[in-house]
Protein backbone atom coordinates (compact mmCIF):
# COMPACT_ATOMS: atom_id res chain seq x y z
CA MET A 1 -10.76 -23.64 10.80
CA LYS A 2 -10.84 -21.85 14.13
CA ARG A 3 -8.29 -19.19 14.97
CA ASN A 4 -6.17 -21.48 17.18
CA GLU A 5 -6.09 -24.09 14.42
CA ILE A 6 -4.96 -21.45 11.93
CA VAL A 7 -2.15 -20.31 14.21
CA SER A 8 -1.04 -23.90 14.74
CA GLU A 9 -0.87 -24.36 10.97
CA LEU A 10 1.17 -21.18 10.63
CA PHE A 11 3.71 -22.43 13.17
CA ARG A 12 3.87 -25.75 11.35
CA LEU A 13 4.96 -23.82 8.25
CA GLN A 14 7.43 -21.62 10.13
CA ASP A 15 10.75 -20.73 8.51
CA LYS A 16 12.88 -19.05 11.18
CA ASP A 17 15.47 -17.70 8.74
CA TYR A 18 12.68 -16.10 6.73
CA ALA A 19 11.28 -14.60 9.93
CA LEU A 20 14.63 -12.96 10.65
CA MET A 21 14.74 -11.52 7.15
CA GLN A 22 11.22 -10.13 7.49
CA ALA A 23 12.04 -8.54 10.84
CA LYS A 24 14.85 -6.58 9.15
CA ILE A 25 12.69 -5.14 6.37
CA ILE A 26 9.55 -4.53 8.44
CA PRO A 27 10.87 -2.50 11.39
CA THR A 28 7.46 -1.44 12.71
CA VAL A 29 6.65 -5.05 13.69
CA SER A 30 8.37 -6.58 16.70
CA ARG A 31 10.36 -9.75 16.03
CA ASP A 32 8.28 -11.84 18.45
CA ARG A 33 5.18 -11.21 16.31
CA ILE A 34 6.72 -12.71 13.18
CA ILE A 35 6.27 -16.46 12.73
CA GLY A 36 7.99 -16.61 9.35
CA VAL A 37 5.55 -18.19 6.89
CA ARG A 38 6.40 -17.63 3.25
CA THR A 39 3.93 -15.78 1.06
CA PRO A 40 3.03 -18.66 -1.32
CA ALA A 41 2.03 -20.81 1.67
CA LEU A 42 -0.06 -17.98 3.11
CA ARG A 43 -1.83 -17.53 -0.23
CA ASP A 44 -2.63 -21.24 -0.36
CA ILE A 45 -4.13 -21.13 3.14
CA ALA A 46 -6.10 -18.00 2.21
CA LYS A 47 -7.65 -19.75 -0.81
CA SER A 48 -8.81 -22.57 1.42
CA LEU A 49 -10.07 -20.29 4.19
CA SER A 50 -11.97 -18.04 1.78
CA LYS A 51 -14.34 -20.97 1.20
CA ASP A 52 -14.76 -21.65 4.92
CA GLN A 53 -18.12 -20.47 6.28
CA ASP A 54 -16.53 -19.96 9.71
CA ILE A 55 -13.82 -17.59 8.44
CA GLY A 56 -15.66 -14.68 10.06
CA GLU A 57 -14.39 -15.81 13.46
CA PHE A 58 -10.79 -15.38 12.35
CA LEU A 59 -11.45 -12.08 10.56
CA SER A 60 -13.15 -10.61 13.64
CA TYR A 61 -10.27 -11.59 15.95
CA LEU A 62 -8.58 -8.18 15.91
CA PRO A 63 -5.94 -7.12 16.54
CA HIS A 64 -4.16 -10.29 15.53
CA GLN A 65 -1.33 -11.51 17.70
CA TYR A 66 0.96 -12.37 14.82
CA PHE A 67 2.11 -10.52 11.72
CA ASP A 68 1.52 -13.68 9.69
CA GLU A 69 -2.14 -13.60 10.76
CA ASP A 70 -2.34 -10.05 9.43
CA GLN A 71 -0.86 -11.18 6.13
CA LEU A 72 -3.28 -14.07 5.92
CA HIS A 73 -6.16 -11.74 6.75
CA ALA A 74 -5.14 -9.44 3.89
CA PHE A 75 -4.99 -12.33 1.43
CA VAL A 76 -8.41 -13.64 2.49
CA ILE A 77 -10.03 -10.23 2.03
CA SER A 78 -8.34 -9.83 -1.34
CA LEU A 79 -10.24 -12.92 -2.56
CA GLU A 80 -13.69 -11.58 -1.57
CA LYS A 81 -15.86 -11.41 -4.70
CA ASP A 82 -18.69 -9.22 -3.39
CA PHE A 83 -17.73 -5.54 -3.54
CA ASP A 84 -19.84 -4.30 -0.62
CA LYS A 85 -18.77 -7.17 1.64
CA CYS A 86 -15.18 -6.54 0.66
CA ILE A 87 -15.38 -2.84 1.55
CA GLY A 88 -16.86 -3.75 4.91
CA LYS A 89 -14.05 -6.20 5.63
CA VAL A 90 -11.41 -3.70 4.49
CA ASN A 91 -12.84 -0.97 6.71
CA ALA A 92 -12.84 -3.32 9.69
CA PHE A 93 -9.23 -4.35 9.08
CA LEU A 94 -7.48 -1.11 8.04
CA PRO A 95 -7.28 0.46 11.54
CA PHE A 96 -5.29 -2.55 12.74
CA ILE A 97 -2.66 -2.59 10.00
CA ASP A 98 0.70 -1.55 11.44
CA ASN A 99 3.19 -2.17 8.66
CA TRP A 100 3.83 -1.50 4.98
CA ALA A 101 3.88 -5.16 3.94
CA THR A 102 0.37 -6.01 5.08
CA CYS A 103 -0.88 -2.68 3.75
CA ASP A 104 0.54 -3.36 0.30
CA GLN A 105 -0.54 -7.01 0.22
CA LEU A 106 -4.15 -5.99 0.77
CA SER A 107 -5.30 -5.79 -2.84
CA PRO A 108 -8.90 -6.91 -3.40
CA LYS A 109 -9.47 -8.12 -6.95
CA VAL A 110 -13.12 -7.03 -6.90
CA PHE A 111 -12.10 -3.35 -6.68
CA LYS A 112 -11.16 -3.41 -10.34
CA LYS A 113 -14.81 -4.07 -11.28
CA GLU A 114 -16.25 -1.13 -9.32
CA PRO A 115 -13.84 1.84 -9.66
CA GLU A 116 -16.50 4.52 -9.20
CA LYS A 117 -17.81 2.92 -6.01
CA LEU A 118 -14.25 2.52 -4.79
CA LEU A 119 -13.57 6.24 -5.08
CA SER A 120 -15.90 7.24 -2.26
CA SER A 121 -14.04 4.95 0.12
CA ILE A 122 -10.66 6.18 -1.10
CA GLN A 123 -11.70 9.74 -0.32
CA THR A 124 -12.47 8.68 3.25
CA TRP A 125 -9.29 6.64 3.67
CA ILE A 126 -6.95 9.32 2.36
CA ASN A 127 -8.21 11.74 5.03
CA SER A 128 -7.63 9.27 7.85
CA ASP A 129 -5.27 9.97 10.74
CA LYS A 130 -3.90 6.43 10.50
CA THR A 131 -0.66 5.96 8.59
CA TYR A 132 -1.47 2.75 6.76
CA THR A 133 -5.04 3.72 5.93
CA VAL A 134 -3.67 6.76 4.08
CA ARG A 135 -0.96 4.64 2.45
CA PHE A 136 -3.61 2.14 1.34
CA ALA A 137 -5.75 4.91 -0.19
CA ILE A 138 -2.83 6.22 -2.22
CA GLY A 139 -1.96 2.68 -3.27
CA MET A 140 -5.48 2.16 -4.58
CA LEU A 141 -5.31 5.40 -6.58
CA MET A 142 -2.01 4.22 -8.03
CA LYS A 143 -3.33 0.77 -8.88
CA TYR A 144 -6.72 1.63 -10.36
CA PHE A 145 -6.66 5.30 -11.39
CA LEU A 146 -3.50 5.90 -13.39
CA ASP A 147 -4.61 4.36 -16.67
CA GLU A 148 -7.99 4.67 -18.39
CA HIS A 149 -9.59 6.16 -15.27
CA PHE A 150 -6.90 8.78 -14.71
CA ASP A 151 -7.87 12.34 -13.90
CA THR A 152 -5.65 15.06 -12.44
CA LYS A 153 -8.15 15.46 -9.60
CA TYR A 154 -6.87 12.13 -8.25
CA ALA A 155 -3.27 13.34 -8.45
CA ASP A 156 -4.47 16.46 -6.62
CA MET A 157 -5.76 14.27 -3.79
CA VAL A 158 -2.34 12.69 -3.36
CA ALA A 159 -0.41 15.95 -3.76
CA GLU A 160 -2.45 17.53 -0.98
CA VAL A 161 -1.44 14.89 1.56
CA ARG A 162 1.05 16.19 4.11
CA SER A 163 2.51 13.77 6.60
CA GLU A 164 5.48 13.25 8.89
CA GLU A 165 5.17 9.50 8.38
CA TYR A 166 7.89 7.87 6.27
CA TYR A 167 5.60 5.15 4.93
CA VAL A 168 3.03 7.68 3.76
CA ASN A 169 5.63 9.88 2.10
CA MET A 170 7.25 6.92 0.37
CA MET A 171 3.88 5.94 -1.09
CA ILE A 172 3.27 9.49 -2.34
CA ALA A 173 6.66 9.41 -4.05
CA TRP A 174 5.93 5.99 -5.50
CA TYR A 175 2.55 7.23 -6.76
CA PHE A 176 4.07 10.21 -8.60
CA ALA A 177 6.94 8.18 -10.02
CA THR A 178 4.42 5.69 -11.42
CA ALA A 179 2.18 8.52 -12.60
CA LEU A 180 5.08 10.07 -14.50
CA ALA A 181 5.65 6.75 -16.25
CA LYS A 182 2.01 6.53 -17.30
CA GLN A 183 0.82 10.14 -17.61
CA TYR A 184 4.04 12.11 -18.02
CA GLU A 185 2.73 15.33 -19.60
CA LEU A 186 -0.20 15.64 -17.20
CA VAL A 187 1.80 14.85 -14.06
CA LEU A 188 5.03 16.72 -14.79
CA PRO A 189 3.57 20.09 -13.63
CA TYR A 190 3.24 18.72 -10.08
CA LEU A 191 7.03 18.64 -9.95
CA GLU A 192 7.64 21.78 -12.01
CA ASP A 193 5.34 23.73 -9.71
CA ARG A 194 6.81 22.16 -6.55
CA ARG A 195 3.46 20.91 -5.29
CA LEU A 196 4.99 18.17 -3.16
CA ALA A 197 6.98 18.35 0.06
CA ASP A 198 10.70 18.63 -0.76
CA TRP A 199 11.66 15.12 0.42
CA VAL A 200 8.74 13.55 -1.44
CA HIS A 201 9.52 15.65 -4.53
CA ASN A 202 13.12 14.43 -4.65
CA LYS A 203 12.21 10.84 -3.87
CA ALA A 204 9.64 10.81 -6.69
CA ILE A 205 12.31 12.06 -9.08
CA GLN A 206 14.79 9.47 -7.82
CA LYS A 207 12.34 6.63 -8.32
CA SER A 208 11.42 7.96 -11.78
CA ILE A 209 15.05 8.10 -12.83
CA GLU A 210 15.44 4.48 -11.73
CA SER A 211 12.47 3.43 -13.88
CA TYR A 212 12.92 1.83 -17.30
CA ARG A 213 9.56 3.35 -18.31
CA ILE A 214 10.99 6.89 -18.27
CA THR A 215 13.01 7.93 -21.31
CA ASP A 216 16.60 9.19 -21.05
CA GLU A 217 15.45 12.61 -22.19
CA GLN A 218 12.76 12.72 -19.52
CA LYS A 219 15.23 11.58 -16.87
CA ALA A 220 17.65 14.34 -17.84
CA TYR A 221 14.94 16.96 -17.43
CA LEU A 222 13.70 15.49 -14.15
CA ARG A 223 17.23 15.78 -12.73
CA THR A 224 17.07 19.55 -13.28
CA LEU A 225 13.95 19.70 -11.11
CA LYS A 226 15.57 18.25 -7.99
CA VAL A 227 15.40 20.47 -4.93
CA ARG A 228 18.95 21.25 -3.81
CA LYS A 229 20.01 21.80 -0.20
CA GLU A 230 20.71 25.46 -0.84
CA GLN A 231 17.15 25.82 -2.16
CA ASN A 232 15.82 24.18 0.99
CA SER A 233 17.76 26.62 3.18
CA ARG A 234 16.03 29.60 1.56
CA ILE A 235 12.51 28.23 2.16
């Protein structure tokens, strides 16, 4: 399918009420860019397009006019089975991502098979000056390097990120909350030693306390580590 055919199909599947809901939760995307196609429908189109030899035309049409095109683009890339081709497509697309939803939907399955090769790209992404490239890097460390591949050097990479961007800081907090659930003893010192920015520190604790994977005893201790306003005023 050519790009204009894809857009026509997206408008055929438009749900205007859904578009309004998306506009409320994705404030960095203007309302007129949101068609309002539901995620299951986008995934179905992506499966079909991933087999289309002419899909390169759509993937190279950047930046996309519509948010739904961005979402579809992310789903198509996520189905790529060749690691090197996938990295190339991700690198081409990342600079054009302008919202948390597309960033978080971009989740290539092939990355799980090549964690060591993925790391070199993560190290590049996390040092980017683009908000959603950094968010994506942290998301990949959270997804693939908190279990059997965990090492504190990866947590160090995330802890060293300093940003004024809300969507980067939220991802850092999310990373450490998830890390506490999976690697509590190894990750706890990052909070005890105040290695995160105060807002991120407190948000990570908040998200941990909300998690069912953290014990009541752990939650009680984490509450004692919160940075209070009076502490902030002395810094």
